[in-house]
Amino acid sequence: MKIILDTNEYIFGLDRESGEEASVKLLNVVRLMIEDIKDFKLLLPEIIREEVQRNIPEYLEKDFYKLIYSSEKIYHHSMMDVPIKLFDKYQNESGLKEGDAMIVAFAEFMKVDYLISENRHIYKSLKIKEFVTVNASEFLKILEEG
């Protein structure tokens, strides 16, 4: 299984005091999946890493870095390999903002199974067959049922 966590999942999930409960649970489950599931991969494109770095409260920075460098199953990626054509497909044809189009293009290019985001409404109208977009609660429910 290959997943991408959107910026908000890291920020809400690391903030155990005031973060979103589902996002906190999600990060705990992801940590377990990293340890227990052989074919599990968490992909971290540079656009999401940089957005987290710009927006995360200073007191959570250390936890963020500790998480993203905790395993060889967390893959850090440049956006350079994503074809411009794929990015254009999502920005021009679907009307997504530049950053959202880059994330969706990256997800399709990398053939992820899930893009997990609390901003799922951004991607809801897209007719994407290559991967599933869910929020933290929905992903946790999929895991429970699966």
Protein backbone atom coordinates (compact mmCIF):
# COMPACT_ATOMS: atom_id res chain seq x y z
CA MET A 1 0.00 0.00 0.00
CA LYS A 2 1.24 3.47 -0.94
CA ILE A 3 -0.24 6.57 0.65
CA ILE A 4 0.28 10.32 0.73
CA LEU A 5 -0.68 12.40 3.74
CA ASP A 6 -1.61 15.96 2.90
CA THR A 7 -0.13 18.83 4.91
CA ASN A 8 -3.07 19.12 7.27
CA GLU A 9 -2.75 15.48 8.39
CA TYR A 10 0.77 16.10 9.66
CA ILE A 11 -0.09 19.37 11.38
CA PHE A 12 -3.37 18.19 12.95
CA GLY A 13 -1.98 14.73 13.71
CA LEU A 14 1.14 15.88 15.51
CA ASP A 15 -0.78 18.31 17.71
CA ARG A 16 -2.12 15.85 20.27
CA GLU A 17 -3.61 18.65 22.40
CA SER A 18 -5.68 20.62 19.93
CA GLY A 19 -5.35 18.66 16.69
CA GLU A 20 -8.07 16.74 14.92
CA GLU A 21 -8.74 13.48 16.75
CA ALA A 22 -8.93 11.44 13.54
CA SER A 23 -5.63 12.88 12.29
CA VAL A 24 -3.92 12.05 15.59
CA LYS A 25 -5.20 8.47 15.32
CA LEU A 26 -4.16 8.36 11.67
CA LEU A 27 -0.53 9.20 12.45
CA ASN A 28 -0.48 6.56 15.17
CA VAL A 29 -1.86 3.98 12.73
CA VAL A 30 0.62 5.03 10.04
CA ARG A 31 3.48 4.50 12.52
CA LEU A 32 2.17 0.96 13.14
CA MET A 33 1.75 0.30 9.43
CA ILE A 34 5.35 1.36 8.84
CA GLU A 35 6.47 -1.21 11.40
CA ASP A 36 4.07 -4.05 10.58
CA ILE A 37 3.24 -4.02 6.86
CA LYS A 38 6.03 -5.16 4.59
CA ASP A 39 4.84 -3.42 1.40
CA PHE A 40 3.71 -0.19 3.05
CA LYS A 41 5.09 3.11 1.73
CA LEU A 42 4.43 6.66 2.89
CA LEU A 43 5.31 9.08 0.11
CA LEU A 44 6.29 12.61 1.04
CA PRO A 45 6.57 14.95 -1.95
CA GLU A 46 8.67 18.04 -1.40
CA ILE A 47 5.67 20.32 -1.92
CA ILE A 48 3.94 18.84 1.15
CA ARG A 49 7.14 18.80 3.24
CA GLU A 50 7.76 22.46 2.44
CA GLU A 51 4.16 23.43 3.20
CA VAL A 52 4.32 21.65 6.56
CA GLN A 53 7.60 23.43 7.32
CA ARG A 54 5.99 26.82 6.58
CA ASN A 55 2.83 26.19 8.60
CA ILE A 56 3.64 23.89 11.50
CA PRO A 57 3.88 25.49 14.94
CA GLU A 58 7.48 25.71 16.10
CA TYR A 59 6.88 23.40 19.07
CA LEU A 60 5.86 20.58 16.65
CA GLU A 61 8.81 20.89 14.24
CA LYS A 62 10.97 18.37 16.08
CA ASP A 63 8.14 15.80 16.09
CA PHE A 64 7.60 16.32 12.37
CA TYR A 65 11.25 15.73 11.51
CA LYS A 66 11.46 12.77 13.85
CA LEU A 67 8.47 11.21 12.08
CA ILE A 68 9.52 11.82 8.48
CA TYR A 69 13.04 10.50 9.01
CA SER A 70 12.01 7.54 11.17
CA SER A 71 11.89 4.83 8.53
CA GLU A 72 13.12 3.72 5.14
CA LYS A 73 9.45 3.21 4.26
CA ILE A 74 8.98 6.97 4.16
CA TYR A 75 10.00 8.12 0.70
CA HIS A 76 10.99 11.74 0.11
CA HIS A 77 10.42 12.87 -3.47
CA SER A 78 11.19 15.78 -5.70
CA MET A 79 8.45 17.03 -8.01
CA MET A 80 10.90 17.19 -10.92
CA ASP A 81 9.97 13.78 -12.33
CA VAL A 82 6.23 14.48 -12.53
CA PRO A 83 5.38 15.16 -16.19
CA ILE A 84 4.23 18.72 -16.90
CA LYS A 85 1.43 17.26 -19.02
CA LEU A 86 -0.02 15.53 -15.95
CA PHE A 87 0.21 18.70 -13.88
CA ASP A 88 -1.49 20.66 -16.69
CA LYS A 89 -4.26 18.08 -16.79
CA TYR A 90 -5.21 18.89 -13.22
CA GLN A 91 -4.56 22.61 -13.21
CA ASN A 92 -5.99 23.60 -16.58
CA GLU A 93 -8.62 20.95 -17.22
CA SER A 94 -9.81 20.49 -13.64
CA GLY A 95 -9.26 24.01 -12.38
CA LEU A 96 -7.26 23.09 -9.30
CA LYS A 97 -4.93 25.61 -7.71
CA GLU A 98 -1.28 25.08 -8.55
CA GLY A 99 -0.30 23.35 -5.30
CA ASP A 100 -3.33 21.04 -5.31
CA ALA A 101 -2.74 20.16 -8.97
CA MET A 102 0.88 19.30 -8.20
CA ILE A 103 -0.13 16.99 -5.35
CA VAL A 104 -2.77 15.19 -7.43
CA ALA A 105 -0.39 14.87 -10.40
CA PHE A 106 2.27 13.47 -8.07
CA ALA A 107 -0.22 10.98 -6.58
CA GLU A 108 -1.23 9.74 -10.02
CA PHE A 109 2.36 9.62 -11.29
CA MET A 110 3.51 7.62 -8.26
CA LYS A 111 0.51 5.29 -8.48
CA VAL A 112 -0.54 5.74 -4.86
CA ASP A 113 -3.51 3.93 -3.40
CA TYR A 114 -4.72 6.76 -1.15
CA LEU A 115 -4.34 10.50 -0.84
CA ILE A 116 -5.46 11.37 2.69
CA SER A 117 -6.51 14.97 3.26
CA GLU A 118 -8.90 16.95 5.41
CA ASN A 119 -9.33 19.13 2.31
CA ARG A 120 -10.90 16.24 0.43
CA HIS A 121 -13.57 18.59 -0.96
CA ILE A 122 -10.89 20.06 -3.23
CA TYR A 123 -10.52 16.72 -5.01
CA LYS A 124 -14.10 15.47 -4.70
CA SER A 125 -15.31 16.67 -8.11
CA LEU A 126 -12.37 15.11 -9.95
CA LYS A 127 -12.98 11.87 -11.77
CA ILE A 128 -9.84 10.14 -10.56
CA LYS A 129 -9.65 6.39 -11.08
CA GLU A 130 -5.97 5.99 -10.29
CA PHE A 131 -6.26 6.47 -6.51
CA VAL A 132 -8.78 7.19 -3.76
CA THR A 133 -9.00 10.49 -1.89
CA VAL A 134 -10.30 10.23 1.67
CA ASN A 135 -10.03 12.11 4.94
CA ALA A 136 -8.46 10.62 8.07
CA SER A 137 -11.76 9.27 9.46
CA GLU A 138 -12.65 7.59 6.18
CA PHE A 139 -9.21 6.00 5.86
CA LEU A 140 -9.36 4.66 9.42
CA LYS A 141 -12.80 3.18 8.67
CA ILE A 142 -11.46 1.52 5.49
CA LEU A 143 -8.68 -0.06 7.55
CA GLU A 144 -11.14 -1.28 10.19
CA GLU A 145 -13.38 -2.86 7.57
CA GLY A 146 -10.56 -4.26 5.48
